């Protein structure tokens, strides 16, 4: 009688964080490109446009509101008013609403008849892509912020630049959306 060989006890291969980042960035770029293509080739009727506008504004509240919450707590941490653990817990808790809000903005924005030939619209599209890629970069900072010991100066600088890029991107896209809605 033969005894079957024991099942392999070696762990499953682990995908490196850099591969996950590259895949996420490629996915973000693909979704962004699909939304831009859709905006150029699809014309929503007035009712669908109104629904898309409501969804767009709701997603702005959800996504940007969550970003502002994390950034505000981060500022309070830098001022010594909150512990870093509170900022990281909050960021973890609102991670999904941020991405859902951003995805909703991209999807609904494709139905709002953007003018892709307009320089302002082109800047807004670039800011939206920048915000999404910056969000992936922010995710890469988490392990460096949760490590043992004090946060290094380099990680602090990267964190500050990430927040600055986020704020410029979100506020810039919002301002351009407002300006474009007035034409």
Protein backbone atom coordinates (compact mmCIF):
# COMPACT_ATOMS: atom_id res chain seq x y z
CA UNK A 1 0.00 0.00 0.00
CA UNK A 2 1.35 3.40 -0.88
CA UNK A 3 0.96 6.45 1.22
CA UNK A 4 0.07 9.63 -0.68
CA UNK A 5 2.67 12.35 -0.58
CA UNK A 6 2.00 15.08 1.96
CA UNK A 7 0.53 18.26 0.63
CA UNK A 8 3.01 20.99 0.08
CA UNK A 9 3.41 23.14 3.17
CA UNK A 10 5.24 25.92 1.41
CA UNK A 11 3.39 29.23 1.50
CA UNK A 12 1.65 30.55 -1.55
CA UNK A 13 3.74 32.98 -3.56
CA UNK A 14 3.41 36.53 -2.30
CA UNK A 15 2.94 39.31 -4.80
CA UNK A 16 5.32 42.15 -4.05
CA UNK A 17 3.93 45.52 -3.05
CA UNK A 18 5.62 47.14 -6.06
CA UNK A 19 3.78 44.77 -8.42
CA UNK A 20 0.48 45.63 -6.71
CA UNK A 21 1.25 49.34 -7.07
CA UNK A 22 2.06 48.92 -10.77
CA UNK A 23 -1.12 46.92 -11.39
CA UNK A 24 -3.22 49.47 -9.47
CA UNK A 25 -1.66 52.38 -11.39
CA UNK A 26 -2.28 50.63 -14.72
CA UNK A 27 -5.87 49.95 -13.69
CA UNK A 28 -6.43 53.57 -12.70
CA UNK A 29 -5.01 54.76 -16.02
CA UNK A 30 -7.18 52.29 -17.95
CA UNK A 31 -10.38 53.35 -16.15
CA UNK A 32 -9.49 57.02 -16.64
CA UNK A 33 -8.83 56.48 -20.37
CA UNK A 34 -12.12 54.57 -20.74
CA UNK A 35 -14.01 57.41 -19.04
CA UNK A 36 -12.38 60.00 -21.31
CA UNK A 37 -13.20 57.89 -24.39
CA UNK A 38 -16.80 57.51 -23.18
CA UNK A 39 -17.14 61.24 -22.56
CA UNK A 40 -16.01 61.97 -26.12
CA UNK A 41 -18.24 59.36 -27.78
CA UNK A 42 -21.42 59.30 -25.68
CA UNK A 43 -24.06 61.99 -25.44
CA UNK A 44 -26.40 61.67 -22.45
CA UNK A 45 -29.99 62.84 -22.81
CA UNK A 46 -31.14 65.67 -20.48
CA UNK A 47 -32.62 63.34 -17.84
CA UNK A 48 -29.50 61.16 -17.69
CA UNK A 49 -27.39 64.33 -17.57
CA UNK A 50 -29.36 65.58 -14.54
CA UNK A 51 -29.02 62.22 -12.77
CA UNK A 52 -25.30 62.18 -13.55
CA UNK A 53 -24.94 65.71 -12.17
CA UNK A 54 -26.62 64.69 -8.90
CA UNK A 55 -24.42 61.58 -8.65
CA UNK A 56 -21.37 63.72 -9.45
CA UNK A 57 -22.12 66.16 -6.63
CA UNK A 58 -22.92 63.36 -4.17
CA UNK A 59 -19.66 61.58 -5.01
CA UNK A 60 -17.75 64.84 -4.58
CA UNK A 61 -19.21 65.14 -1.08
CA UNK A 62 -18.34 61.55 -0.20
CA UNK A 63 -14.86 61.34 -1.73
CA UNK A 64 -13.53 64.83 -1.11
CA UNK A 65 -15.20 64.99 2.31
CA UNK A 66 -13.35 61.86 3.36
CA UNK A 67 -10.05 63.25 1.97
CA UNK A 68 -10.55 66.49 3.89
CA UNK A 69 -11.20 64.54 7.09
CA UNK A 70 -7.95 62.59 6.80
CA UNK A 71 -5.94 65.66 5.83
CA UNK A 72 -7.40 67.68 8.72
CA UNK A 73 -6.47 64.97 11.22
CA UNK A 74 -3.01 64.77 9.63
CA UNK A 75 -2.56 68.49 10.17
CA UNK A 76 -3.68 68.12 13.79
CA UNK A 77 -1.10 65.32 14.20
CA UNK A 78 1.64 67.55 12.78
CA UNK A 79 0.60 70.21 15.30
CA UNK A 80 0.82 67.68 18.12
CA UNK A 81 -2.96 67.68 18.74
CA UNK A 82 -3.71 64.10 17.67
CA UNK A 83 -1.75 60.85 17.73
CA UNK A 84 -0.58 59.37 14.43
CA UNK A 85 -2.50 56.18 15.23
CA UNK A 86 -5.77 58.16 15.09
CA UNK A 87 -4.88 59.58 11.68
CA UNK A 88 -4.00 56.14 10.33
CA UNK A 89 -7.16 54.53 11.77
CA UNK A 90 -9.28 57.25 10.17
CA UNK A 91 -7.47 56.95 6.84
CA UNK A 92 -8.06 53.21 6.90
CA UNK A 93 -11.74 53.71 7.74
CA UNK A 94 -12.41 56.19 4.92
CA UNK A 95 -10.26 54.51 2.29
CA UNK A 96 -13.29 52.91 0.62
CA UNK A 97 -15.48 56.07 0.55
CA UNK A 98 -12.59 58.02 -0.98
CA UNK A 99 -12.17 55.53 -3.82
CA UNK A 100 -15.93 55.08 -4.30
CA UNK A 101 -16.34 58.85 -4.46
CA UNK A 102 -13.54 59.20 -6.97
CA UNK A 103 -14.87 56.34 -9.09
CA UNK A 104 -18.35 57.86 -9.00
CA UNK A 105 -16.95 61.23 -10.05
CA UNK A 106 -15.14 59.70 -13.00
CA UNK A 107 -18.13 57.64 -14.11
CA UNK A 108 -20.72 60.39 -13.73
CA UNK A 109 -18.37 63.01 -15.16
CA UNK A 110 -18.23 61.08 -18.42
CA UNK A 111 -21.97 61.76 -18.80
CA UNK A 112 -21.80 65.51 -18.14
CA UNK A 113 -20.79 66.51 -21.68
CA UNK A 114 -17.27 67.67 -20.91
CA UNK A 115 -15.53 69.61 -23.65
CA UNK A 116 -12.31 67.62 -24.17
CA UNK A 117 -10.94 70.30 -26.50
CA UNK A 118 -11.14 72.93 -23.77
CA UNK A 119 -7.83 73.64 -22.02
CA UNK A 120 -9.65 73.89 -18.67
CA UNK A 121 -11.26 70.49 -19.18
CA UNK A 122 -7.90 69.02 -20.15
CA UNK A 123 -6.38 70.38 -16.93
CA UNK A 124 -9.28 68.93 -14.94
CA UNK A 125 -8.87 65.52 -16.57
CA UNK A 126 -5.16 65.63 -15.72
CA UNK A 127 -5.94 66.60 -12.12
CA UNK A 128 -8.38 63.71 -11.76
CA UNK A 129 -5.75 61.25 -12.98
CA UNK A 130 -3.16 62.88 -10.70
CA UNK A 131 -5.47 62.55 -7.67
CA UNK A 132 -6.05 58.86 -8.37
CA UNK A 133 -2.36 58.07 -8.87
CA UNK A 134 -1.52 60.14 -5.80
CA UNK A 135 -4.00 58.01 -3.84
CA UNK A 136 -2.04 54.92 -4.81
CA UNK A 137 1.16 56.67 -3.71
CA UNK A 138 -0.48 57.53 -0.38
CA UNK A 139 -1.20 53.83 0.10
CA UNK A 140 2.52 53.09 -0.29
CA UNK A 141 3.30 55.43 2.61
CA UNK A 142 1.20 53.52 5.15
CA UNK A 143 3.78 50.85 6.04
CA UNK A 144 6.40 53.56 6.58
CA UNK A 145 4.07 55.47 8.89
CA UNK A 146 3.02 52.43 10.91
CA UNK A 147 6.54 51.15 11.51
CA UNK A 148 8.16 51.15 14.91
CA UNK A 149 9.87 54.29 16.06
CA UNK A 150 9.53 57.89 14.98
CA UNK A 151 8.59 58.81 11.43
CA UNK A 152 11.66 59.76 9.39
CA UNK A 153 12.06 63.21 7.88
CA UNK A 154 11.91 61.72 4.37
CA UNK A 155 8.57 60.03 5.05
CA UNK A 156 7.25 63.27 6.58
CA UNK A 157 8.27 65.20 3.45
CA UNK A 158 6.71 62.56 1.15
CA UNK A 159 3.54 62.64 3.25
CA UNK A 160 3.35 66.44 3.10
CA UNK A 161 3.87 66.44 -0.68
CA UNK A 162 1.22 63.74 -1.06
CA UNK A 163 -1.29 65.81 0.92
CA UNK A 164 -0.40 68.95 -1.05
CA UNK A 165 -0.85 67.15 -4.39
CA UNK A 166 -4.15 65.74 -3.15
CA UNK A 167 -5.48 69.12 -2.07
CA UNK A 168 -4.36 70.89 -5.26
CA UNK A 169 -5.89 68.11 -7.36
CA UNK A 170 -9.24 67.91 -5.58
CA UNK A 171 -9.69 71.68 -5.20
CA UNK A 172 -8.44 72.36 -8.73
CA UNK A 173 -10.79 69.83 -10.32
CA UNK A 174 -13.68 71.16 -8.22
CA UNK A 175 -12.97 74.77 -9.22
CA UNK A 176 -12.68 73.85 -12.91
CA UNK A 177 -15.93 71.86 -12.68
CA UNK A 178 -17.62 74.93 -11.25
CA UNK A 179 -16.18 77.19 -13.97
CA UNK A 180 -17.16 74.74 -16.72
CA UNK A 181 -20.73 74.50 -15.37
CA UNK A 182 -21.15 78.25 -15.89
CA UNK A 183 -20.53 78.16 -19.65
